[in-house]
N, C-alpha and C. Protein backbone atom coordinates (compact mmCIF):
# COMPACT_ATOMS: atom_id res chain seq x y z
N UNK A 1 78.72 102.10 111.14
CA UNK A 1 79.89 102.72 110.55
C UNK A 1 79.52 104.11 110.05
N UNK A 2 80.36 105.11 110.38
CA UNK A 2 80.13 106.48 109.96
C UNK A 2 80.56 106.67 108.51
N UNK A 3 79.70 107.28 107.71
CA UNK A 3 80.05 107.60 106.33
C UNK A 3 79.83 109.09 106.12
N UNK A 4 80.74 109.78 105.44
CA UNK A 4 80.57 111.20 105.23
C UNK A 4 79.39 111.48 104.30
N UNK A 5 78.75 112.64 104.50
CA UNK A 5 77.63 113.05 103.66
C UNK A 5 78.11 113.37 102.25
N UNK A 6 79.30 113.90 102.13
CA UNK A 6 79.83 114.29 100.83
C UNK A 6 81.15 113.58 100.59
N UNK A 7 81.59 113.52 99.34
CA UNK A 7 82.87 112.85 99.09
C UNK A 7 84.00 113.62 99.78
N UNK A 8 84.97 112.92 100.34
CA UNK A 8 86.05 113.60 101.03
C UNK A 8 87.15 114.06 100.08
N UNK A 9 87.99 114.96 100.61
CA UNK A 9 89.23 115.31 99.92
C UNK A 9 89.95 114.01 99.66
N UNK A 10 90.50 113.86 98.48
CA UNK A 10 91.19 112.61 98.13
C UNK A 10 92.60 112.93 97.65
N UNK A 11 93.52 112.10 98.09
CA UNK A 11 94.89 112.23 97.64
C UNK A 11 95.41 110.84 97.30
N UNK A 12 95.94 110.72 96.10
CA UNK A 12 96.66 109.50 95.73
C UNK A 12 98.14 109.83 95.93
N UNK A 13 98.80 109.06 96.83
CA UNK A 13 100.21 109.26 97.13
C UNK A 13 100.99 108.14 96.45
N UNK A 14 102.01 108.52 95.73
CA UNK A 14 102.88 107.53 95.11
C UNK A 14 104.31 107.84 95.53
N UNK A 15 104.97 106.84 96.12
CA UNK A 15 106.38 107.00 96.43
C UNK A 15 107.13 106.88 95.12
N UNK A 16 107.98 107.87 94.86
CA UNK A 16 108.66 107.93 93.57
C UNK A 16 110.17 108.06 93.72
N UNK A 17 110.89 107.55 92.72
CA UNK A 17 112.32 107.82 92.60
C UNK A 17 112.53 109.19 92.01
N UNK A 18 111.57 109.55 91.11
CA UNK A 18 111.56 110.88 90.51
C UNK A 18 110.19 111.09 89.88
N UNK A 19 109.82 112.37 89.73
CA UNK A 19 108.56 112.71 89.08
C UNK A 19 108.68 114.12 88.50
N UNK A 20 108.01 114.31 87.38
CA UNK A 20 108.05 115.60 86.68
C UNK A 20 106.66 115.89 86.14
N UNK A 21 106.26 117.15 86.22
CA UNK A 21 105.02 117.58 85.60
C UNK A 21 105.40 118.64 84.56
N UNK A 22 104.85 118.46 83.34
CA UNK A 22 105.16 119.34 82.21
C UNK A 22 103.87 119.98 81.71
N UNK A 23 103.97 121.25 81.37
CA UNK A 23 102.83 121.99 80.80
C UNK A 23 103.32 122.67 79.53
N UNK A 24 102.65 122.41 78.42
CA UNK A 24 103.04 123.02 77.14
C UNK A 24 104.53 122.83 76.82
N UNK A 25 105.06 121.65 77.12
CA UNK A 25 106.44 121.35 76.81
C UNK A 25 107.47 121.88 77.78
N UNK A 26 107.03 122.63 78.80
CA UNK A 26 107.96 123.16 79.80
C UNK A 26 107.74 122.49 81.14
N UNK A 27 108.83 122.20 81.85
CA UNK A 27 108.75 121.58 83.16
C UNK A 27 108.19 122.59 84.17
N UNK A 28 107.10 122.24 84.79
CA UNK A 28 106.49 123.09 85.82
C UNK A 28 107.01 122.71 87.20
N UNK A 29 107.29 121.43 87.40
CA UNK A 29 107.80 120.96 88.68
C UNK A 29 108.48 119.63 88.50
N UNK A 30 109.52 119.40 89.28
CA UNK A 30 110.26 118.15 89.16
C UNK A 30 110.91 117.83 90.50
N UNK A 31 110.87 116.56 90.90
CA UNK A 31 111.50 116.13 92.15
C UNK A 31 112.27 114.84 91.93
N UNK A 32 113.19 114.60 92.85
CA UNK A 32 113.86 113.31 92.92
C UNK A 32 113.07 112.43 93.85
N UNK A 33 113.72 111.66 94.72
CA UNK A 33 113.00 110.76 95.62
C UNK A 33 112.00 111.53 96.50
N UNK A 34 110.82 110.96 96.65
CA UNK A 34 109.80 111.59 97.49
C UNK A 34 108.42 111.06 97.18
N UNK A 35 107.44 111.95 97.26
CA UNK A 35 106.04 111.58 97.05
C UNK A 35 105.40 112.45 95.97
N UNK A 36 104.74 111.80 95.03
CA UNK A 36 103.86 112.48 94.08
C UNK A 36 102.48 112.45 94.71
N UNK A 37 101.84 113.62 94.84
CA UNK A 37 100.51 113.72 95.43
C UNK A 37 99.54 114.21 94.40
N UNK A 38 98.59 113.38 94.02
CA UNK A 38 97.50 113.78 93.13
C UNK A 38 96.34 114.17 94.06
N UNK A 39 95.92 115.43 94.00
CA UNK A 39 95.00 115.98 94.99
C UNK A 39 93.67 116.36 94.35
N UNK A 40 92.57 115.80 94.90
CA UNK A 40 91.22 116.13 94.45
C UNK A 40 90.46 116.83 95.57
N UNK A 41 89.95 118.01 95.30
CA UNK A 41 89.23 118.82 96.30
C UNK A 41 87.75 118.82 95.97
N UNK A 42 86.93 118.66 97.02
CA UNK A 42 85.48 118.72 96.80
C UNK A 42 84.92 119.93 97.55
N UNK A 43 83.70 120.36 97.24
CA UNK A 43 83.20 121.64 97.74
C UNK A 43 83.17 121.81 99.25
N UNK A 44 82.97 120.76 100.02
CA UNK A 44 82.87 120.94 101.47
C UNK A 44 84.21 120.78 102.19
N UNK A 45 85.32 120.59 101.44
CA UNK A 45 86.62 120.48 102.09
C UNK A 45 86.97 121.79 102.77
N UNK A 46 87.66 121.67 103.89
CA UNK A 46 88.01 122.82 104.70
C UNK A 46 89.53 122.96 104.85
N UNK A 47 89.94 124.09 105.38
CA UNK A 47 91.35 124.28 105.69
C UNK A 47 91.82 123.20 106.66
N UNK A 48 90.98 122.84 107.60
CA UNK A 48 91.31 121.78 108.56
C UNK A 48 91.58 120.45 107.85
N UNK A 49 90.79 120.13 106.83
CA UNK A 49 91.01 118.90 106.06
C UNK A 49 92.37 118.92 105.39
N UNK A 50 92.71 120.03 104.75
CA UNK A 50 93.99 120.15 104.05
C UNK A 50 95.14 120.09 105.05
N UNK A 51 94.99 120.79 106.18
CA UNK A 51 96.05 120.79 107.20
C UNK A 51 96.28 119.39 107.75
N UNK A 52 95.20 118.66 108.01
CA UNK A 52 95.30 117.29 108.53
C UNK A 52 95.96 116.38 107.51
N UNK A 53 95.60 116.54 106.24
CA UNK A 53 96.19 115.71 105.18
C UNK A 53 97.68 116.00 105.05
N UNK A 54 98.07 117.27 105.07
CA UNK A 54 99.49 117.62 104.94
C UNK A 54 100.29 117.07 106.11
N UNK A 55 99.75 117.17 107.30
CA UNK A 55 100.44 116.65 108.48
C UNK A 55 100.63 115.13 108.38
N UNK A 56 99.63 114.46 107.90
CA UNK A 56 99.70 113.01 107.73
C UNK A 56 100.74 112.65 106.65
N UNK A 57 100.74 113.37 105.55
CA UNK A 57 101.66 113.11 104.44
C UNK A 57 103.11 113.21 104.90
N UNK A 58 103.45 114.28 105.61
CA UNK A 58 104.87 114.48 105.96
C UNK A 58 105.35 113.47 107.00
N UNK A 59 104.42 112.90 107.76
CA UNK A 59 104.81 111.98 108.84
C UNK A 59 104.53 110.51 108.55
N UNK A 60 103.90 110.21 107.42
CA UNK A 60 103.59 108.82 107.09
C UNK A 60 104.86 108.05 106.78
N UNK A 61 105.04 106.93 107.43
CA UNK A 61 106.27 106.14 107.29
C UNK A 61 106.15 105.18 106.10
N UNK A 62 106.58 105.66 104.94
CA UNK A 62 106.51 104.88 103.71
C UNK A 62 107.84 104.75 103.00
N UNK A 63 108.92 105.22 103.64
CA UNK A 63 110.25 105.14 103.06
C UNK A 63 111.08 104.12 103.84
N UNK A 64 111.95 103.40 103.14
CA UNK A 64 112.72 102.34 103.80
C UNK A 64 113.80 102.87 104.73
N UNK A 65 113.98 102.17 105.84
CA UNK A 65 115.08 102.46 106.75
C UNK A 65 116.29 101.62 106.34
N UNK A 66 117.29 101.55 107.16
CA UNK A 66 118.50 100.80 106.86
C UNK A 66 118.28 99.31 106.67
N UNK A 67 117.20 98.78 107.24
CA UNK A 67 116.88 97.36 107.09
C UNK A 67 115.86 97.11 105.96
N UNK A 68 115.51 98.15 105.24
CA UNK A 68 114.57 98.00 104.13
C UNK A 68 113.11 98.02 104.56
N UNK A 69 112.82 98.29 105.83
CA UNK A 69 111.43 98.37 106.31
C UNK A 69 110.90 99.79 106.12
N UNK A 70 109.63 99.90 105.87
CA UNK A 70 109.01 101.22 105.71
C UNK A 70 108.84 101.86 107.09
N UNK A 71 109.89 102.49 107.58
CA UNK A 71 109.89 103.10 108.90
C UNK A 71 110.25 104.57 108.87
N UNK A 72 110.45 105.14 107.70
CA UNK A 72 110.86 106.54 107.62
C UNK A 72 109.79 107.38 106.92
N UNK A 73 109.63 108.59 107.42
CA UNK A 73 108.67 109.53 106.83
C UNK A 73 109.35 110.37 105.74
N UNK A 74 108.56 111.18 105.11
CA UNK A 74 109.08 112.13 104.12
C UNK A 74 110.12 113.04 104.78
N UNK A 75 109.80 113.48 106.00
CA UNK A 75 110.74 114.33 106.74
C UNK A 75 112.01 113.56 107.09
N UNK A 76 111.88 112.33 107.59
CA UNK A 76 113.05 111.53 107.97
C UNK A 76 113.96 111.27 106.78
N UNK A 77 113.37 111.00 105.64
CA UNK A 77 114.14 110.60 104.45
C UNK A 77 114.72 111.79 103.69
N UNK A 78 114.22 113.00 103.98
CA UNK A 78 114.68 114.16 103.23
C UNK A 78 114.10 114.23 101.84
N UNK A 79 113.04 113.49 101.60
CA UNK A 79 112.41 113.47 100.28
C UNK A 79 111.64 114.75 99.98
N UNK A 80 111.24 114.87 98.73
CA UNK A 80 110.49 116.03 98.23
C UNK A 80 109.05 115.62 97.93
N UNK A 81 108.22 116.61 97.64
CA UNK A 81 106.83 116.35 97.26
C UNK A 81 106.54 117.10 95.96
N UNK A 82 105.75 116.47 95.11
CA UNK A 82 105.25 117.10 93.90
C UNK A 82 103.73 117.04 93.98
N UNK A 83 103.08 118.19 94.07
CA UNK A 83 101.62 118.27 94.24
C UNK A 83 100.98 118.62 92.90
N UNK A 84 100.04 117.77 92.47
CA UNK A 84 99.34 117.96 91.20
C UNK A 84 97.84 117.92 91.48
N UNK A 85 97.14 119.01 91.14
CA UNK A 85 95.68 119.01 91.32
C UNK A 85 95.06 118.06 90.30
N UNK A 86 94.05 117.32 90.75
CA UNK A 86 93.42 116.37 89.85
C UNK A 86 91.95 116.17 90.24
N UNK A 87 91.07 116.97 89.63
CA UNK A 87 89.65 116.92 89.95
C UNK A 87 89.04 115.58 89.58
N UNK A 88 89.65 114.86 88.65
CA UNK A 88 89.06 113.58 88.22
C UNK A 88 89.07 112.53 89.32
N UNK A 89 89.82 112.75 90.40
CA UNK A 89 89.78 111.81 91.53
C UNK A 89 88.40 111.75 92.17
N UNK A 90 87.61 112.80 91.95
CA UNK A 90 86.27 112.85 92.52
C UNK A 90 85.21 112.45 91.50
N UNK A 91 85.63 111.88 90.39
CA UNK A 91 84.69 111.45 89.36
C UNK A 91 83.79 110.33 89.86
N UNK A 92 82.54 110.39 89.47
CA UNK A 92 81.55 109.37 89.82
C UNK A 92 81.25 108.55 88.56
N UNK A 93 81.55 107.27 88.62
CA UNK A 93 81.39 106.40 87.45
C UNK A 93 80.22 105.42 87.60
N UNK A 94 79.33 105.69 88.55
CA UNK A 94 78.25 104.73 88.82
C UNK A 94 77.20 104.70 87.71
N UNK A 95 76.98 105.81 87.01
CA UNK A 95 75.94 105.85 85.97
C UNK A 95 76.56 106.10 84.61
N UNK A 96 76.04 105.39 83.63
CA UNK A 96 76.46 105.64 82.26
C UNK A 96 77.90 105.31 82.00
N UNK A 97 78.40 105.89 80.92
CA UNK A 97 79.76 105.60 80.48
C UNK A 97 80.68 106.81 80.58
N UNK A 98 80.13 107.93 80.98
CA UNK A 98 80.94 109.12 81.12
C UNK A 98 80.97 109.51 82.60
N UNK A 99 82.16 109.66 83.18
CA UNK A 99 82.21 110.06 84.59
C UNK A 99 81.56 111.41 84.81
N UNK A 100 80.94 111.57 85.97
CA UNK A 100 80.38 112.85 86.39
C UNK A 100 81.36 113.49 87.37
N UNK A 101 81.62 114.76 87.19
CA UNK A 101 82.56 115.46 88.06
C UNK A 101 81.85 116.47 88.96
N UNK A 102 80.55 116.24 89.19
CA UNK A 102 79.76 117.13 90.05
C UNK A 102 80.25 117.17 91.48
N UNK A 103 81.01 116.16 91.92
CA UNK A 103 81.53 116.12 93.28
C UNK A 103 82.81 116.92 93.46
N UNK A 104 83.37 117.42 92.38
CA UNK A 104 84.61 118.19 92.47
C UNK A 104 84.31 119.65 92.73
N UNK A 105 85.16 120.28 93.49
CA UNK A 105 84.99 121.71 93.79
C UNK A 105 85.24 122.54 92.54
N UNK A 106 84.63 123.72 92.51
CA UNK A 106 84.88 124.65 91.41
C UNK A 106 86.34 125.10 91.48
N UNK A 107 86.90 125.55 90.37
CA UNK A 107 88.27 126.04 90.39
C UNK A 107 88.49 127.15 91.42
N UNK A 108 87.50 128.01 91.62
CA UNK A 108 87.61 129.11 92.58
C UNK A 108 87.79 128.61 94.01
N UNK A 109 87.19 127.47 94.32
CA UNK A 109 87.35 126.87 95.66
C UNK A 109 88.57 125.98 95.72
N UNK A 110 88.80 125.21 94.68
CA UNK A 110 89.86 124.20 94.72
C UNK A 110 91.26 124.78 94.64
N UNK A 111 91.47 125.79 93.81
CA UNK A 111 92.83 126.31 93.62
C UNK A 111 93.48 126.78 94.92
N UNK A 112 92.79 127.57 95.75
CA UNK A 112 93.42 127.97 97.01
C UNK A 112 93.67 126.80 97.97
N UNK A 113 92.84 125.77 97.90
CA UNK A 113 93.03 124.60 98.76
C UNK A 113 94.27 123.82 98.35
N UNK A 114 94.47 123.65 97.05
CA UNK A 114 95.67 122.97 96.56
C UNK A 114 96.90 123.82 96.93
N UNK A 115 96.78 125.13 96.78
CA UNK A 115 97.87 126.02 97.19
C UNK A 115 98.18 125.90 98.67
N UNK A 116 97.14 125.76 99.48
CA UNK A 116 97.33 125.58 100.91
C UNK A 116 98.11 124.28 101.20
N UNK A 117 97.80 123.22 100.45
CA UNK A 117 98.54 121.96 100.64
C UNK A 117 100.03 122.19 100.37
N UNK A 118 100.35 122.88 99.29
CA UNK A 118 101.74 123.17 98.96
C UNK A 118 102.37 123.97 100.09
N UNK A 119 101.68 125.01 100.56
CA UNK A 119 102.21 125.86 101.64
C UNK A 119 102.46 125.05 102.91
N UNK A 120 101.53 124.17 103.27
CA UNK A 120 101.67 123.39 104.51
C UNK A 120 102.84 122.41 104.42
N UNK A 121 103.04 121.80 103.28
CA UNK A 121 104.16 120.89 103.12
C UNK A 121 105.48 121.66 103.22
N UNK A 122 105.54 122.81 102.59
CA UNK A 122 106.76 123.65 102.67
C UNK A 122 107.00 124.12 104.10
N UNK A 123 105.95 124.52 104.78
CA UNK A 123 106.07 124.99 106.17
C UNK A 123 106.59 123.88 107.08
N UNK A 124 106.31 122.63 106.73
CA UNK A 124 106.79 121.49 107.52
C UNK A 124 108.25 121.16 107.21
N UNK A 125 108.81 121.85 106.22
CA UNK A 125 110.21 121.62 105.89
C UNK A 125 110.46 120.70 104.72
N UNK A 126 109.41 120.42 103.93
CA UNK A 126 109.55 119.53 102.79
C UNK A 126 109.71 120.36 101.53
N UNK A 127 110.77 120.07 100.75
CA UNK A 127 110.92 120.72 99.43
C UNK A 127 109.71 120.29 98.59
N UNK A 128 108.92 121.26 98.15
CA UNK A 128 107.66 120.95 97.45
C UNK A 128 107.57 121.73 96.16
N UNK A 129 107.23 121.02 95.11
CA UNK A 129 106.97 121.62 93.81
C UNK A 129 105.52 121.29 93.43
N UNK A 130 105.02 121.95 92.38
CA UNK A 130 103.64 121.70 92.00
C UNK A 130 103.45 121.84 90.50
N UNK A 131 102.30 121.32 90.08
CA UNK A 131 101.89 121.50 88.71
C UNK A 131 101.27 122.88 88.56
N UNK A 132 100.55 123.09 87.46
CA UNK A 132 99.88 124.36 87.19
C UNK A 132 98.39 124.10 87.26
N UNK A 133 97.72 124.71 88.22
CA UNK A 133 96.30 124.46 88.44
C UNK A 133 95.51 124.74 87.16
N UNK A 134 94.65 123.79 86.80
CA UNK A 134 93.76 123.96 85.66
C UNK A 134 94.38 123.71 84.30
N UNK A 135 95.69 123.50 84.25
CA UNK A 135 96.35 123.29 82.97
C UNK A 135 96.27 121.82 82.57
N UNK A 136 96.41 121.58 81.27
CA UNK A 136 96.58 120.20 80.79
C UNK A 136 98.03 119.83 81.08
N UNK A 137 98.22 118.86 81.97
CA UNK A 137 99.57 118.51 82.43
C UNK A 137 99.93 117.09 82.01
N UNK A 138 101.20 116.90 81.80
CA UNK A 138 101.74 115.56 81.59
C UNK A 138 102.57 115.24 82.83
N UNK A 139 102.23 114.15 83.48
CA UNK A 139 102.91 113.74 84.69
C UNK A 139 103.69 112.48 84.40
N UNK A 140 104.99 112.55 84.64
CA UNK A 140 105.87 111.41 84.43
C UNK A 140 106.44 111.02 85.79
N UNK A 141 106.44 109.72 86.09
CA UNK A 141 106.94 109.29 87.38
C UNK A 141 107.56 107.91 87.30
N UNK A 142 108.45 107.64 88.23
CA UNK A 142 108.97 106.31 88.44
C UNK A 142 108.54 105.93 89.84
N UNK A 143 107.55 105.04 89.89
CA UNK A 143 107.00 104.60 91.19
C UNK A 143 108.02 103.71 91.85
N UNK A 144 108.35 104.01 93.10
CA UNK A 144 109.36 103.28 93.84
C UNK A 144 108.67 102.29 94.79
N UNK A 145 108.95 101.04 94.61
CA UNK A 145 108.37 100.01 95.48
C UNK A 145 107.70 98.89 94.70
N UNK A 146 106.60 99.10 94.08
CA UNK A 146 105.78 100.31 94.03
C UNK A 146 105.02 100.51 95.35
N UNK A 147 104.88 101.77 95.72
CA UNK A 147 104.07 102.15 96.87
C UNK A 147 103.07 103.19 96.39
N UNK A 148 101.79 102.86 96.47
CA UNK A 148 100.72 103.77 96.11
C UNK A 148 99.63 103.66 97.16
N UNK A 149 99.21 104.78 97.72
CA UNK A 149 98.18 104.82 98.76
C UNK A 149 97.12 105.83 98.38
N UNK A 150 95.90 105.62 98.90
CA UNK A 150 94.82 106.57 98.71
C UNK A 150 94.44 107.09 100.08
N UNK A 151 94.44 108.41 100.23
CA UNK A 151 94.05 109.03 101.50
C UNK A 151 92.77 109.81 101.29
N UNK A 152 91.86 109.68 102.24
CA UNK A 152 90.62 110.45 102.22
C UNK A 152 90.53 111.20 103.54
N UNK A 153 90.16 112.48 103.47
CA UNK A 153 90.04 113.30 104.66
C UNK A 153 88.70 114.03 104.60
N UNK A 154 87.94 113.93 105.68
CA UNK A 154 86.66 114.61 105.76
C UNK A 154 86.46 115.07 107.19
N UNK A 155 86.02 116.30 107.35
CA UNK A 155 85.80 116.89 108.67
C UNK A 155 87.03 116.75 109.56
N UNK A 156 88.22 116.96 108.96
CA UNK A 156 89.46 116.92 109.71
C UNK A 156 89.91 115.53 110.13
N UNK A 157 89.24 114.50 109.63
CA UNK A 157 89.60 113.12 110.00
C UNK A 157 90.09 112.36 108.78
N UNK A 158 91.18 111.64 108.95
CA UNK A 158 91.67 110.77 107.89
C UNK A 158 90.80 109.52 107.93
N UNK A 159 90.18 109.19 106.80
CA UNK A 159 89.26 108.04 106.74
C UNK A 159 89.98 106.80 106.25
């Protein structure tokens, strides 16, 4: 079995009825039905990884069709996306009692990658909002289903 040398880009996707991210008491982004994406970037992630993840997100069939089966994508359903950067997704909890975040990319590397994710989703035709990179954010959501998935992408491949 192939295992990546470094931790992959990670995204926690939650299908939501609505989601809002607030910074300092002000709404930074808010959506109705769609996907909340918590995005963790690591130092070796590439534009190809982000592009592959965005393409997968917009086409993943996680929304119910007329018979209640998960047969519709974000594009099919007309849903929105809310992208929130979250370096803690790359936390390593194997040693001690305090997570290590050495696997997370520096803000200088991660911020443009998260921005690229937002751009790619918008370019695909998805109404996309985002949090504020590096800010202390409050994320409120109503998980629909509940449907929660974890996506990992490394070297342009969804793992």
